[in-house]
Amino acid sequence: MRRLNTNNVMHRCGPLLLGMFLCVGAWSAEATPNDSIVVDGQHLRVIADVRIDTSAWQVTSAEKDWWFGVGWDIQASPLSSSGTHISTLDLFSNRPALRVERQQVMRNGGGRLGLFAEHSQPWAFSSEEVSENAKGWIWGGEGQGSASIQQFTLTPDSLAFERDTTVAPLSPGHAVRVGVSWEGNPMGGWRPRVAVSGFAWRPFGWSLRAPGDPASWMVTDASETFQREAMWRARMRLDFGLVLDLGESYPSSRSAAQFRVDAFWLPGSIGGLCLSLVMSPTRR
């Protein structure tokens, strides 16, 4: 009888046994999931439905915010048709203004303090384009914008002087206004707002004179019908109004959009109402 060589048997059967162990292990792993328990010989699989609130990881600055938006100034009343003079600073252009603002939370719950700059397009008067036959200026008609002011002319003719009116030489200019603002804590959904600002750059204001006595028209020169005003006239502006947050991005967070209603007054000039819509890219 030949003696069985165990080394040869293990050498030949080793790979076969290893393969069997791997198959059994894979079957056991599939048959018995990791997220399961065994009760009375039965496998019960546990399924977890996990929902993650990503708003908890949103990074926002509760202290400082940038705001960008547009605003429209609405004149409180039409230009007066009485008086002897009218200022070009009292004529609104009805064009939207562009605003950028930086806000910061004040200490001890004192509201928010802001710095802002605004670009607008008021009317600019061109004295070089005044007719040499101008005898005065007429305002208070039904026209809008520059058409509400007209220059009255007396043109020489072969038979008699001809009276006529033409549109005033007004065109959109450029102005930059800077200032500070304050927003209080909400009261019934609205926040009180106060702002003080001044024009760092704007077109000069001109005082336009109404036509005088017809007996003086013949000797009135066109340059006598208008005069440049002082540089500081109507340069400051005061705003008092309310701010409304438009919706919430998530609970306990300021909105990324605001609607503002302000009553404003330019000392030495006129006042009106301003409607603004601003948005913040730093507040989501």
Protein backbone atom coordinates (compact mmCIF):
# COMPACT_ATOMS: atom_id res chain seq x y z
CA MET A 1 0.00 0.00 0.00
CA ARG A 2 1.33 3.44 -1.06
CA ARG A 3 1.54 6.13 1.57
CA LEU A 4 -0.65 9.17 0.94
CA ASN A 5 1.42 12.29 0.41
CA THR A 6 -0.43 15.02 2.34
CA ASN A 7 1.74 17.76 0.91
CA ASN A 8 0.63 16.94 -2.63
CA VAL A 9 -2.99 16.79 -1.53
CA MET A 10 -2.84 20.19 0.14
CA HIS A 11 -0.98 21.65 -2.81
CA ARG A 12 -3.62 20.45 -5.27
CA CYS A 13 -6.72 21.01 -3.12
CA GLY A 14 -5.65 24.36 -1.58
CA PRO A 15 -6.95 26.56 -4.40
CA LEU A 16 -10.23 24.64 -4.47
CA LEU A 17 -10.79 25.11 -0.74
CA LEU A 18 -9.95 28.82 -0.96
CA GLY A 19 -12.49 29.29 -3.72
CA MET A 20 -15.15 27.51 -1.67
CA PHE A 21 -14.49 29.76 1.33
CA LEU A 22 -14.80 32.90 -0.82
CA CYS A 23 -18.10 31.75 -2.29
CA VAL A 24 -19.52 30.92 1.13
CA GLY A 25 -18.39 34.31 2.49
CA ALA A 26 -19.97 36.21 -0.41
CA TRP A 27 -23.25 34.24 -0.03
CA SER A 28 -23.26 34.92 3.71
CA ALA A 29 -22.72 38.64 3.19
CA GLU A 30 -25.58 38.82 0.65
CA ALA A 31 -27.89 36.62 2.68
CA THR A 32 -27.28 38.54 5.92
CA PRO A 33 -27.23 42.33 5.31
CA ASN A 34 -25.25 44.50 7.69
CA ASP A 35 -28.29 46.72 8.44
CA SER A 36 -30.46 43.82 9.61
CA ILE A 37 -31.27 41.93 12.79
CA VAL A 38 -32.19 38.30 13.42
CA VAL A 39 -35.44 37.58 15.31
CA ASP A 40 -36.42 33.91 15.83
CA GLY A 41 -34.21 32.86 12.96
CA GLN A 42 -35.63 35.47 10.55
CA HIS A 43 -33.66 38.36 9.13
CA LEU A 44 -35.34 41.77 9.49
CA ARG A 45 -33.84 44.52 7.31
CA VAL A 46 -33.77 48.08 8.66
CA ILE A 47 -34.21 50.99 6.18
CA ALA A 48 -33.42 54.53 7.41
CA ASP A 49 -34.88 57.64 5.66
CA VAL A 50 -32.46 60.45 6.47
CA ARG A 51 -33.16 64.08 5.46
CA ILE A 52 -30.46 66.70 5.94
CA ASP A 53 -31.34 70.38 6.35
CA THR A 54 -28.62 72.15 4.35
CA SER A 55 -29.73 75.58 5.56
CA ALA A 56 -27.84 74.94 8.79
CA TRP A 57 -24.59 75.11 6.79
CA GLN A 58 -25.45 78.17 4.73
CA VAL A 59 -22.91 80.88 5.36
CA THR A 60 -24.45 84.34 5.71
CA SER A 61 -23.24 87.49 7.35
CA ALA A 62 -25.70 88.67 9.96
CA GLU A 63 -23.58 91.73 10.67
CA LYS A 64 -22.90 93.26 7.24
CA ASP A 65 -24.74 93.22 3.93
CA TRP A 66 -24.49 94.76 0.46
CA TRP A 67 -27.65 96.04 -1.26
CA PHE A 68 -28.23 97.05 -4.89
CA GLY A 69 -31.39 98.46 -6.40
CA VAL A 70 -33.34 101.15 -8.22
CA GLY A 71 -35.54 104.01 -7.04
CA TRP A 72 -38.03 106.44 -8.56
CA ASP A 73 -38.65 109.98 -7.28
CA ILE A 74 -42.20 111.24 -7.64
CA GLN A 75 -42.74 114.97 -7.36
CA ALA A 76 -45.31 115.83 -4.71
CA SER A 77 -47.03 118.53 -6.80
CA PRO A 78 -46.75 119.93 -10.34
CA LEU A 79 -44.69 123.00 -11.05
CA SER A 80 -46.39 126.22 -10.04
CA SER A 81 -47.70 128.41 -12.88
CA SER A 82 -47.33 131.59 -10.80
CA GLY A 83 -44.29 133.56 -9.71
CA THR A 84 -41.52 135.32 -11.54
CA HIS A 85 -38.79 132.65 -11.43
CA ILE A 86 -38.44 128.87 -11.70
CA SER A 87 -35.40 126.74 -10.88
CA THR A 88 -34.23 123.83 -13.00
CA LEU A 89 -33.51 121.99 -9.73
CA ASP A 90 -37.27 121.87 -9.09
CA LEU A 91 -37.92 119.92 -12.29
CA PHE A 92 -37.74 116.11 -11.94
CA SER A 93 -36.55 113.93 -14.82
CA ASN A 94 -38.68 110.87 -13.90
CA ARG A 95 -35.77 108.53 -14.55
CA PRO A 96 -34.83 105.66 -12.18
CA ALA A 97 -31.82 106.07 -9.92
CA LEU A 98 -29.28 103.29 -9.29
CA ARG A 99 -28.20 102.64 -5.70
CA VAL A 100 -25.51 100.66 -3.86
CA GLU A 101 -25.59 100.42 -0.06
CA ARG A 102 -23.55 98.82 2.70
CA GLN A 103 -25.38 98.04 5.96
CA GLN A 104 -24.07 96.98 9.36
CA VAL A 105 -25.87 95.91 12.54
CA MET A 106 -25.55 98.38 15.42
CA ARG A 107 -24.78 97.21 18.93
CA ASN A 108 -27.40 96.64 21.63
CA GLY A 109 -30.20 96.11 19.10
CA GLY A 110 -30.05 99.66 17.78
CA GLY A 111 -31.02 98.70 14.22
CA ARG A 112 -28.86 98.84 11.12
CA LEU A 113 -26.60 101.67 9.97
CA GLY A 114 -25.87 102.06 6.27
CA LEU A 115 -23.68 104.02 3.86
CA PHE A 116 -24.97 104.46 0.31
CA ALA A 117 -24.25 106.07 -3.03
CA GLU A 118 -26.85 106.79 -5.72
CA HIS A 119 -26.58 107.78 -9.37
CA SER A 120 -29.41 109.76 -10.98
CA GLN A 121 -30.04 111.80 -14.13
CA PRO A 122 -31.48 115.25 -13.33
CA TRP A 123 -32.04 117.85 -16.02
CA ALA A 124 -29.00 119.82 -17.17
CA PHE A 125 -29.55 123.31 -18.62
CA SER A 126 -27.44 124.42 -21.62
CA SER A 127 -27.11 128.20 -21.65
CA GLU A 128 -25.32 128.08 -25.03
CA GLU A 129 -28.47 126.78 -26.71
CA VAL A 130 -30.78 129.59 -25.54
CA SER A 131 -32.28 131.48 -28.45
CA GLU A 132 -30.91 134.98 -28.93
CA ASN A 133 -34.52 136.14 -29.25
CA ALA A 134 -35.59 134.70 -25.87
CA LYS A 135 -37.52 137.15 -23.68
CA GLY A 136 -38.40 134.85 -20.80
CA TRP A 137 -39.59 131.38 -19.77
CA ILE A 138 -43.04 129.85 -19.42
CA TRP A 139 -43.81 126.85 -17.20
CA GLY A 140 -46.73 125.01 -15.64
CA GLY A 141 -48.25 123.58 -18.81
CA GLU A 142 -49.42 120.04 -19.48
CA GLY A 143 -46.08 118.90 -20.86
CA GLN A 144 -43.89 116.38 -19.04
CA GLY A 145 -40.19 116.65 -18.25
CA SER A 146 -38.32 119.26 -20.29
CA ALA A 147 -41.50 120.03 -22.26
CA SER A 148 -43.07 121.59 -19.14
CA ILE A 149 -40.70 124.58 -19.48
CA GLN A 150 -40.59 126.62 -22.69
CA GLN A 151 -38.65 129.65 -23.76
CA PHE A 152 -40.69 132.61 -25.00
CA THR A 153 -39.17 134.27 -28.07
CA LEU A 154 -39.86 137.45 -30.01
CA THR A 155 -38.58 137.00 -33.56
CA PRO A 156 -38.11 140.05 -35.83
CA ASP A 157 -40.22 140.03 -39.00
CA SER A 158 -40.58 142.34 -41.99
CA LEU A 159 -44.03 143.44 -40.86
CA ALA A 160 -44.04 142.86 -37.06
CA PHE A 161 -42.38 140.88 -34.32
CA GLU A 162 -43.58 137.27 -34.14
CA ARG A 163 -44.21 135.68 -30.76
CA ASP A 164 -43.36 132.02 -30.38
CA THR A 165 -42.41 129.32 -27.81
CA THR A 166 -39.80 126.56 -28.09
CA VAL A 167 -38.74 123.74 -25.80
CA ALA A 168 -36.17 124.69 -23.15
CA PRO A 169 -32.60 123.47 -23.78
CA LEU A 170 -32.69 120.74 -21.12
CA SER A 171 -31.06 117.31 -21.41
CA PRO A 172 -30.39 114.43 -18.97
CA GLY A 173 -27.30 115.03 -16.87
CA HIS A 174 -25.51 112.97 -14.22
CA ALA A 175 -25.54 113.29 -10.44
CA VAL A 176 -24.03 111.29 -7.57
CA ARG A 177 -25.55 111.47 -4.10
CA VAL A 178 -23.92 109.93 -0.99
CA GLY A 179 -25.27 109.63 2.53
CA VAL A 180 -26.00 107.61 5.65
CA SER A 181 -29.16 105.71 6.58
CA TRP A 182 -30.64 104.04 9.64
CA GLU A 183 -33.17 101.18 9.82
CA GLY A 184 -34.96 100.39 13.07
CA ASN A 185 -36.46 97.20 14.41
CA PRO A 186 -39.63 95.85 12.73
CA MET A 187 -43.01 97.13 13.81
CA GLY A 188 -45.89 95.22 12.27
CA GLY A 189 -43.69 93.94 9.46
CA TRP A 190 -42.35 97.40 8.55
CA ARG A 191 -39.06 98.94 9.63
CA PRO A 192 -38.67 102.71 10.13
CA ARG A 193 -35.99 104.34 8.00
CA VAL A 194 -34.22 107.71 8.11
CA ALA A 195 -31.55 108.94 5.68
CA VAL A 196 -29.46 112.09 5.28
CA SER A 197 -27.53 112.65 2.06
CA GLY A 198 -25.92 115.26 -0.15
CA PHE A 199 -25.03 115.64 -3.82
CA ALA A 200 -21.32 115.14 -4.38
CA TRP A 201 -21.81 115.93 -8.08
CA ARG A 202 -24.74 117.26 -10.11
CA PRO A 203 -25.49 119.79 -12.88
CA PHE A 204 -25.68 123.45 -11.88
CA GLY A 205 -29.07 124.87 -11.07
CA TRP A 206 -30.39 127.76 -13.16
CA SER A 207 -33.03 130.34 -12.27
CA LEU A 208 -35.28 131.06 -15.27
CA ARG A 209 -37.22 134.33 -15.33
CA ALA A 210 -40.74 134.66 -16.62
CA PRO A 211 -41.45 137.23 -19.41
CA GLY A 212 -41.77 140.71 -17.96
CA ASP A 213 -43.80 143.70 -19.09
CA PRO A 214 -44.42 143.55 -22.86
CA ALA A 215 -43.14 147.11 -23.08
CA SER A 216 -39.70 145.87 -21.99
CA TRP A 217 -39.43 142.98 -24.43
CA MET A 218 -37.73 145.04 -27.11
CA VAL A 219 -34.79 145.92 -24.83
CA THR A 220 -34.58 142.57 -22.98
CA ASP A 221 -31.49 140.54 -23.84
CA ALA A 222 -31.63 136.73 -23.82
CA SER A 223 -28.83 136.54 -21.21
CA GLU A 224 -31.01 138.50 -18.78
CA THR A 225 -33.66 135.75 -18.71
CA PHE A 226 -31.57 133.13 -16.86
CA GLN A 227 -29.01 133.10 -14.06
CA ARG A 228 -26.91 130.36 -12.48
CA GLU A 229 -27.85 129.60 -8.87
CA ALA A 230 -25.63 129.15 -5.84
CA MET A 231 -23.74 125.85 -5.76
CA TRP A 232 -25.16 124.82 -2.35
CA ARG A 233 -28.83 125.42 -3.12
CA ALA A 234 -30.96 122.27 -2.60
CA ARG A 235 -27.83 120.14 -2.24
CA MET A 236 -28.89 118.28 0.91
CA ARG A 237 -31.74 115.76 1.12
CA LEU A 238 -33.72 114.26 4.03
CA ASP A 239 -35.66 110.96 3.76
CA PHE A 240 -38.19 109.48 6.19
CA GLY A 241 -39.91 106.22 5.34
CA LEU A 242 -40.61 102.53 5.86
CA VAL A 243 -38.92 99.30 4.74
CA LEU A 244 -40.69 96.01 4.03
CA ASP A 245 -38.79 92.70 3.77
CA LEU A 246 -40.10 90.65 0.83
CA GLY A 247 -40.34 87.04 2.08
CA GLU A 248 -37.88 84.85 4.00
CA SER A 249 -35.16 82.61 2.61
CA TYR A 250 -35.32 80.48 5.77
CA PRO A 251 -36.60 81.04 9.33
CA SER A 252 -35.07 83.80 11.48
CA SER A 253 -33.24 85.33 8.49
CA ARG A 254 -33.58 88.75 6.90
CA SER A 255 -34.93 88.68 3.38
CA ALA A 256 -32.70 89.21 0.35
CA ALA A 257 -35.14 91.78 -1.11
CA GLN A 258 -36.69 94.97 0.25
CA PHE A 259 -39.39 97.42 -0.78
CA ARG A 260 -38.93 100.99 0.49
CA VAL A 261 -41.29 103.95 0.62
CA ASP A 262 -39.76 107.31 1.58
CA ALA A 263 -41.00 110.86 1.80
CA PHE A 264 -38.13 113.23 0.98
CA TRP A 265 -37.43 116.93 1.15
CA LEU A 266 -34.65 119.07 -0.33
CA PRO A 267 -34.28 122.16 1.90
CA GLY A 268 -34.67 125.25 -0.23
CA SER A 269 -36.43 123.31 -2.96
CA ILE A 270 -39.34 120.87 -3.13
CA GLY A 271 -40.18 117.37 -1.86
CA GLY A 272 -41.89 114.22 -2.97
CA LEU A 273 -42.17 110.46 -2.65
CA CYS A 274 -39.51 107.84 -3.46
CA LEU A 275 -40.27 104.18 -4.23
CA SER A 276 -37.31 101.76 -4.16
CA LEU A 277 -36.67 98.06 -4.71
CA VAL A 278 -33.31 96.71 -3.50
CA MET A 279 -31.75 93.24 -3.34
CA SER A 280 -28.79 91.76 -1.48
CA PRO A 281 -26.43 89.22 -3.10
CA THR A 282 -24.76 88.59 0.28
CA ARG A 283 -28.01 87.50 1.97
CA ARG A 284 -29.49 84.25 0.58
